[in-house]
Amino acid sequence: MRGEGRAHFLTVGLHPAIDRTIKIPRLTGTPVLRGQLVRVEAAGKSANMAHTLSNFRQRVIATGFLGAAEAGFFLKSFDPKRVETHFVPVASPTRESITLLEERSGTRRPHPGG
């Protein structure tokens, strides 16, 4: 991003997330559900905004707090030509959100524990 001019936007992520989408055959009331991981994404409101703005070819600086253990995965999700990252690593893990995708109906539901 250096040499291309200044960033037009700044996003600050105080509570980023890693979103996991899991496909299951059918949502049941049983305590154990077996499924297939279909997507893992760096997310959270500020990360989603940085991704969206960069898709519209806008230059962005993304900053905030990020769990040190997940930082590599999270930072690789940004296009380095459009998003300059300046996250502060913290000892706490980055939060995770889990969405269950029911295969038959296509219904998406946030997992109660996620």
N, C-alpha and C. Protein backbone atom coordinates (compact mmCIF):
# COMPACT_ATOMS: atom_id res chain seq x y z
N MET A 1 0.81 -1.19 0.00
CA MET A 1 0.00 0.00 0.00
C MET A 1 0.86 1.25 0.00
N ARG A 2 2.06 1.13 0.46
CA ARG A 2 2.93 2.29 0.47
C ARG A 2 3.19 2.75 -0.96
N GLY A 3 3.23 4.05 -1.15
CA GLY A 3 3.48 4.59 -2.47
C GLY A 3 2.21 4.74 -3.30
N GLU A 4 1.10 4.24 -2.82
CA GLU A 4 -0.15 4.33 -3.57
C GLU A 4 -1.05 5.44 -3.04
N GLY A 5 -0.56 6.24 -2.14
CA GLY A 5 -1.40 7.28 -1.57
C GLY A 5 -1.93 6.85 -0.21
N ARG A 6 -2.64 7.72 0.39
CA ARG A 6 -3.16 7.46 1.73
C ARG A 6 -4.40 6.58 1.70
N ALA A 7 -4.59 5.86 2.82
CA ALA A 7 -5.81 5.07 2.96
C ALA A 7 -6.99 6.02 3.13
N HIS A 8 -8.11 5.62 2.60
CA HIS A 8 -9.31 6.43 2.70
C HIS A 8 -10.15 6.07 3.91
N PHE A 9 -9.93 4.86 4.45
CA PHE A 9 -10.76 4.38 5.55
C PHE A 9 -9.90 3.76 6.63
N LEU A 10 -10.38 3.84 7.87
CA LEU A 10 -9.76 3.20 9.03
C LEU A 10 -10.83 2.37 9.71
N THR A 11 -10.55 1.08 9.91
CA THR A 11 -11.48 0.25 10.68
C THR A 11 -10.78 -0.17 11.96
N VAL A 12 -11.52 -0.15 13.06
CA VAL A 12 -10.97 -0.50 14.37
C VAL A 12 -11.78 -1.66 14.93
N GLY A 13 -11.12 -2.80 15.08
CA GLY A 13 -11.79 -4.01 15.57
C GLY A 13 -11.45 -4.28 17.01
N LEU A 14 -12.37 -4.00 17.89
CA LEU A 14 -12.15 -4.26 19.31
C LEU A 14 -12.48 -5.69 19.69
N HIS A 15 -13.25 -6.37 18.82
CA HIS A 15 -13.69 -7.72 19.14
C HIS A 15 -13.86 -8.55 17.86
N PRO A 16 -12.76 -8.78 17.11
CA PRO A 16 -12.87 -9.53 15.86
C PRO A 16 -13.27 -10.98 16.13
N ALA A 17 -13.58 -11.70 15.07
CA ALA A 17 -14.04 -13.08 15.22
C ALA A 17 -13.53 -13.94 14.08
N ILE A 18 -13.53 -15.23 14.33
CA ILE A 18 -13.32 -16.20 13.27
C ILE A 18 -14.65 -16.92 13.11
N ASP A 19 -15.26 -16.78 11.93
CA ASP A 19 -16.56 -17.41 11.66
C ASP A 19 -16.35 -18.79 11.04
N ARG A 20 -17.03 -19.76 11.60
CA ARG A 20 -17.00 -21.12 11.06
C ARG A 20 -18.43 -21.50 10.66
N THR A 21 -18.59 -22.00 9.43
CA THR A 21 -19.88 -22.49 8.97
C THR A 21 -19.77 -24.00 8.84
N ILE A 22 -20.70 -24.70 9.49
CA ILE A 22 -20.69 -26.17 9.50
C ILE A 22 -21.99 -26.66 8.90
N LYS A 23 -21.88 -27.54 7.89
CA LYS A 23 -23.06 -28.11 7.24
C LYS A 23 -23.43 -29.39 7.98
N ILE A 24 -24.71 -29.48 8.36
CA ILE A 24 -25.22 -30.67 9.04
C ILE A 24 -26.39 -31.22 8.23
N PRO A 25 -26.62 -32.55 8.29
CA PRO A 25 -27.75 -33.11 7.53
C PRO A 25 -29.08 -32.56 8.01
N ARG A 26 -29.27 -32.52 9.33
CA ARG A 26 -30.56 -32.09 9.88
C ARG A 26 -30.34 -31.59 11.30
N LEU A 27 -30.96 -30.47 11.61
CA LEU A 27 -30.87 -29.92 12.95
C LEU A 27 -31.80 -30.70 13.86
N THR A 28 -31.23 -31.34 14.87
CA THR A 28 -32.03 -32.14 15.81
C THR A 28 -31.80 -31.62 17.22
N GLY A 29 -32.58 -32.10 18.14
CA GLY A 29 -32.45 -31.70 19.53
C GLY A 29 -31.43 -32.51 20.31
N THR A 30 -30.68 -33.36 19.63
CA THR A 30 -29.69 -34.17 20.32
C THR A 30 -28.48 -33.33 20.72
N PRO A 31 -27.79 -33.71 21.79
CA PRO A 31 -26.65 -32.91 22.24
C PRO A 31 -25.42 -33.00 21.32
N VAL A 32 -25.36 -34.01 20.45
CA VAL A 32 -24.22 -34.16 19.55
C VAL A 32 -24.70 -34.06 18.11
N LEU A 33 -24.11 -33.13 17.37
CA LEU A 33 -24.41 -32.97 15.94
C LEU A 33 -23.13 -33.22 15.17
N ARG A 34 -23.21 -34.01 14.13
CA ARG A 34 -22.03 -34.26 13.29
C ARG A 34 -22.23 -33.50 11.98
N GLY A 35 -21.16 -32.84 11.57
CA GLY A 35 -21.25 -32.06 10.35
C GLY A 35 -19.92 -31.92 9.66
N GLN A 36 -19.92 -31.10 8.62
CA GLN A 36 -18.73 -30.88 7.80
C GLN A 36 -18.43 -29.38 7.79
N LEU A 37 -17.20 -29.04 8.12
CA LEU A 37 -16.77 -27.65 8.08
C LEU A 37 -16.70 -27.20 6.62
N VAL A 38 -17.47 -26.17 6.26
CA VAL A 38 -17.50 -25.73 4.87
C VAL A 38 -16.85 -24.36 4.65
N ARG A 39 -16.68 -23.58 5.72
CA ARG A 39 -16.07 -22.27 5.54
C ARG A 39 -15.51 -21.76 6.86
N VAL A 40 -14.32 -21.17 6.79
CA VAL A 40 -13.71 -20.49 7.93
C VAL A 40 -13.28 -19.12 7.42
N GLU A 41 -13.74 -18.07 8.11
CA GLU A 41 -13.46 -16.71 7.64
C GLU A 41 -13.06 -15.80 8.78
N ALA A 42 -12.16 -14.88 8.49
CA ALA A 42 -11.86 -13.79 9.42
C ALA A 42 -13.05 -12.84 9.37
N ALA A 43 -13.57 -12.49 10.53
CA ALA A 43 -14.80 -11.70 10.54
C ALA A 43 -14.85 -10.75 11.72
N GLY A 44 -16.03 -10.26 11.98
CA GLY A 44 -16.27 -9.21 12.95
C GLY A 44 -16.62 -7.97 12.14
N LYS A 45 -17.32 -7.05 12.73
CA LYS A 45 -17.81 -5.90 11.97
C LYS A 45 -16.70 -5.12 11.27
N SER A 46 -15.60 -4.85 11.96
CA SER A 46 -14.54 -4.05 11.34
C SER A 46 -13.81 -4.84 10.25
N ALA A 47 -13.58 -6.14 10.47
CA ALA A 47 -12.92 -6.96 9.45
C ALA A 47 -13.81 -7.10 8.22
N ASN A 48 -15.10 -7.32 8.44
CA ASN A 48 -16.03 -7.42 7.31
C ASN A 48 -16.05 -6.12 6.51
N MET A 49 -16.00 -4.98 7.22
CA MET A 49 -16.00 -3.69 6.53
C MET A 49 -14.70 -3.50 5.75
N ALA A 50 -13.58 -3.89 6.33
CA ALA A 50 -12.29 -3.77 5.63
C ALA A 50 -12.29 -4.63 4.37
N HIS A 51 -12.82 -5.86 4.46
CA HIS A 51 -12.91 -6.73 3.29
C HIS A 51 -13.81 -6.12 2.22
N THR A 52 -14.95 -5.62 2.63
CA THR A 52 -15.90 -5.04 1.67
C THR A 52 -15.31 -3.82 0.98
N LEU A 53 -14.72 -2.92 1.76
CA LEU A 53 -14.13 -1.72 1.17
C LEU A 53 -13.00 -2.08 0.20
N SER A 54 -12.18 -3.08 0.58
CA SER A 54 -11.08 -3.47 -0.33
C SER A 54 -11.62 -4.11 -1.61
N ASN A 55 -12.77 -4.81 -1.52
CA ASN A 55 -13.39 -5.37 -2.72
C ASN A 55 -13.86 -4.27 -3.68
N PHE A 56 -14.14 -3.09 -3.12
CA PHE A 56 -14.51 -1.93 -3.93
C PHE A 56 -13.28 -1.08 -4.27
N ARG A 57 -12.10 -1.69 -4.14
CA ARG A 57 -10.82 -1.08 -4.49
C ARG A 57 -10.49 0.17 -3.67
N GLN A 58 -10.97 0.19 -2.44
CA GLN A 58 -10.64 1.28 -1.53
C GLN A 58 -9.44 0.88 -0.68
N ARG A 59 -8.63 1.84 -0.32
CA ARG A 59 -7.48 1.58 0.55
C ARG A 59 -7.94 1.73 2.00
N VAL A 60 -7.54 0.77 2.83
CA VAL A 60 -8.03 0.69 4.20
C VAL A 60 -6.86 0.43 5.15
N ILE A 61 -6.92 1.02 6.33
CA ILE A 61 -6.05 0.63 7.43
C ILE A 61 -6.95 -0.10 8.42
N ALA A 62 -6.58 -1.33 8.77
CA ALA A 62 -7.35 -2.12 9.73
C ALA A 62 -6.51 -2.29 10.98
N THR A 63 -7.10 -1.98 12.12
CA THR A 63 -6.40 -2.09 13.38
C THR A 63 -7.36 -2.58 14.46
N GLY A 64 -6.83 -2.83 15.62
CA GLY A 64 -7.64 -3.29 16.75
C GLY A 64 -6.87 -4.35 17.52
N PHE A 65 -7.58 -5.13 18.30
CA PHE A 65 -6.98 -6.18 19.11
C PHE A 65 -7.26 -7.53 18.48
N LEU A 66 -6.26 -8.41 18.52
CA LEU A 66 -6.38 -9.71 17.87
C LEU A 66 -5.63 -10.75 18.67
N GLY A 67 -6.26 -11.89 18.92
CA GLY A 67 -5.60 -12.98 19.64
C GLY A 67 -4.32 -13.38 18.91
N ALA A 68 -3.20 -13.41 19.62
CA ALA A 68 -1.90 -13.69 19.00
C ALA A 68 -1.88 -15.05 18.31
N ALA A 69 -2.53 -16.05 18.89
CA ALA A 69 -2.49 -17.41 18.32
C ALA A 69 -3.17 -17.48 16.95
N GLU A 70 -4.18 -16.65 16.71
CA GLU A 70 -4.94 -16.69 15.45
C GLU A 70 -4.54 -15.57 14.49
N ALA A 71 -3.57 -14.77 14.87
CA ALA A 71 -3.22 -13.58 14.08
C ALA A 71 -2.81 -13.93 12.65
N GLY A 72 -2.00 -14.97 12.47
CA GLY A 72 -1.55 -15.33 11.12
C GLY A 72 -2.70 -15.63 10.19
N PHE A 73 -3.63 -16.48 10.64
CA PHE A 73 -4.81 -16.81 9.83
C PHE A 73 -5.60 -15.55 9.50
N PHE A 74 -5.83 -14.73 10.51
CA PHE A 74 -6.65 -13.54 10.35
C PHE A 74 -6.01 -12.56 9.36
N LEU A 75 -4.71 -12.30 9.53
CA LEU A 75 -4.04 -11.31 8.70
C LEU A 75 -3.91 -11.76 7.24
N LYS A 76 -3.78 -13.06 7.00
CA LYS A 76 -3.70 -13.58 5.63
C LYS A 76 -4.98 -13.34 4.84
N SER A 77 -6.08 -13.07 5.53
CA SER A 77 -7.36 -12.90 4.83
C SER A 77 -7.46 -11.55 4.13
N PHE A 78 -6.60 -10.61 4.49
CA PHE A 78 -6.67 -9.28 3.90
C PHE A 78 -5.78 -9.18 2.67
N ASP A 79 -6.21 -8.43 1.66
CA ASP A 79 -5.42 -8.16 0.46
C ASP A 79 -4.38 -7.10 0.82
N PRO A 80 -3.09 -7.48 0.86
CA PRO A 80 -2.07 -6.53 1.30
C PRO A 80 -1.92 -5.31 0.38
N LYS A 81 -2.42 -5.39 -0.84
CA LYS A 81 -2.36 -4.24 -1.75
C LYS A 81 -3.38 -3.18 -1.37
N ARG A 82 -4.42 -3.58 -0.67
CA ARG A 82 -5.51 -2.64 -0.35
C ARG A 82 -5.70 -2.42 1.16
N VAL A 83 -5.28 -3.40 1.98
CA VAL A 83 -5.52 -3.29 3.42
C VAL A 83 -4.18 -3.34 4.15
N GLU A 84 -3.89 -2.25 4.84
CA GLU A 84 -2.69 -2.18 5.67
C GLU A 84 -3.12 -2.55 7.09
N THR A 85 -2.49 -3.57 7.68
CA THR A 85 -2.93 -4.06 8.99
C THR A 85 -1.98 -3.61 10.09
N HIS A 86 -2.57 -3.18 11.20
CA HIS A 86 -1.81 -2.74 12.38
C HIS A 86 -2.54 -3.23 13.63
N PHE A 87 -2.72 -4.54 13.73
CA PHE A 87 -3.41 -5.10 14.89
C PHE A 87 -2.45 -5.25 16.07
N VAL A 88 -3.00 -5.13 17.27
CA VAL A 88 -2.24 -5.31 18.50
C VAL A 88 -2.52 -6.73 18.99
N PRO A 89 -1.48 -7.58 19.08
CA PRO A 89 -1.72 -8.95 19.55
C PRO A 89 -1.98 -8.96 21.06
N VAL A 90 -2.93 -9.78 21.46
CA VAL A 90 -3.25 -9.95 22.88
C VAL A 90 -3.20 -11.44 23.23
N ALA A 91 -3.06 -11.75 24.51
CA ALA A 91 -2.94 -13.13 24.95
C ALA A 91 -4.25 -13.91 24.82
N SER A 92 -5.37 -13.24 24.91
CA SER A 92 -6.67 -13.91 24.83
C SER A 92 -6.92 -14.40 23.41
N PRO A 93 -7.62 -15.53 23.27
CA PRO A 93 -7.93 -16.02 21.91
C PRO A 93 -8.96 -15.12 21.23
N THR A 94 -8.89 -15.09 19.91
CA THR A 94 -9.90 -14.39 19.13
C THR A 94 -11.20 -15.17 19.24
N ARG A 95 -12.32 -14.48 19.40
CA ARG A 95 -13.60 -15.18 19.57
C ARG A 95 -13.96 -15.93 18.30
N GLU A 96 -14.75 -16.97 18.46
CA GLU A 96 -15.21 -17.76 17.32
C GLU A 96 -16.73 -17.80 17.31
N SER A 97 -17.28 -17.69 16.13
CA SER A 97 -18.72 -17.81 15.93
C SER A 97 -18.97 -19.02 15.05
N ILE A 98 -19.98 -19.79 15.40
CA ILE A 98 -20.30 -20.99 14.64
C ILE A 98 -21.72 -20.87 14.10
N THR A 99 -21.86 -21.10 12.79
CA THR A 99 -23.17 -21.12 12.16
C THR A 99 -23.41 -22.53 11.64
N LEU A 100 -24.58 -23.08 11.95
CA LEU A 100 -24.97 -24.39 11.45
C LEU A 100 -25.84 -24.21 10.23
N LEU A 101 -25.49 -24.89 9.15
CA LEU A 101 -26.22 -24.82 7.90
C LEU A 101 -26.90 -26.16 7.69
N GLU A 102 -28.22 -26.17 7.80
CA GLU A 102 -28.97 -27.42 7.62
C GLU A 102 -29.01 -27.75 6.13
N GLU A 103 -28.45 -28.91 5.79
CA GLU A 103 -28.27 -29.30 4.39
C GLU A 103 -29.58 -29.38 3.62
N ARG A 104 -30.59 -29.99 4.19
CA ARG A 104 -31.86 -30.20 3.46
C ARG A 104 -32.61 -28.91 3.18
N SER A 105 -32.75 -28.08 4.19
CA SER A 105 -33.56 -26.88 4.02
C SER A 105 -32.75 -25.63 3.67
N GLY A 106 -31.43 -25.67 3.91
CA GLY A 106 -30.61 -24.49 3.67
C GLY A 106 -30.72 -23.45 4.78
N THR A 107 -31.41 -23.82 5.87
CA THR A 107 -31.59 -22.91 7.00
C THR A 107 -30.27 -22.70 7.72
N ARG A 108 -29.96 -21.43 8.03
CA ARG A 108 -28.74 -21.08 8.78
C ARG A 108 -29.14 -20.66 10.18
N ARG A 109 -28.45 -21.23 11.15
CA ARG A 109 -28.74 -20.86 12.54
C ARG A 109 -27.44 -20.70 13.31
N PRO A 110 -27.33 -19.62 14.07
CA PRO A 110 -26.14 -19.50 14.92
C PRO A 110 -26.19 -20.59 15.98
N HIS A 111 -25.06 -21.20 16.24
CA HIS A 111 -24.99 -22.23 17.26
C HIS A 111 -25.14 -21.58 18.62
N PRO A 112 -25.98 -22.11 19.51
CA PRO A 112 -26.20 -21.47 20.81
C PRO A 112 -24.93 -21.31 21.62
N GLY A 113 -23.98 -22.22 21.45
CA GLY A 113 -22.75 -22.12 22.20
C GLY A 113 -21.70 -21.27 21.52
N GLY A 114 -21.94 -20.87 20.28
CA GLY A 114 -20.94 -20.11 19.52
C GLY A 114 -21.16 -18.70 19.69
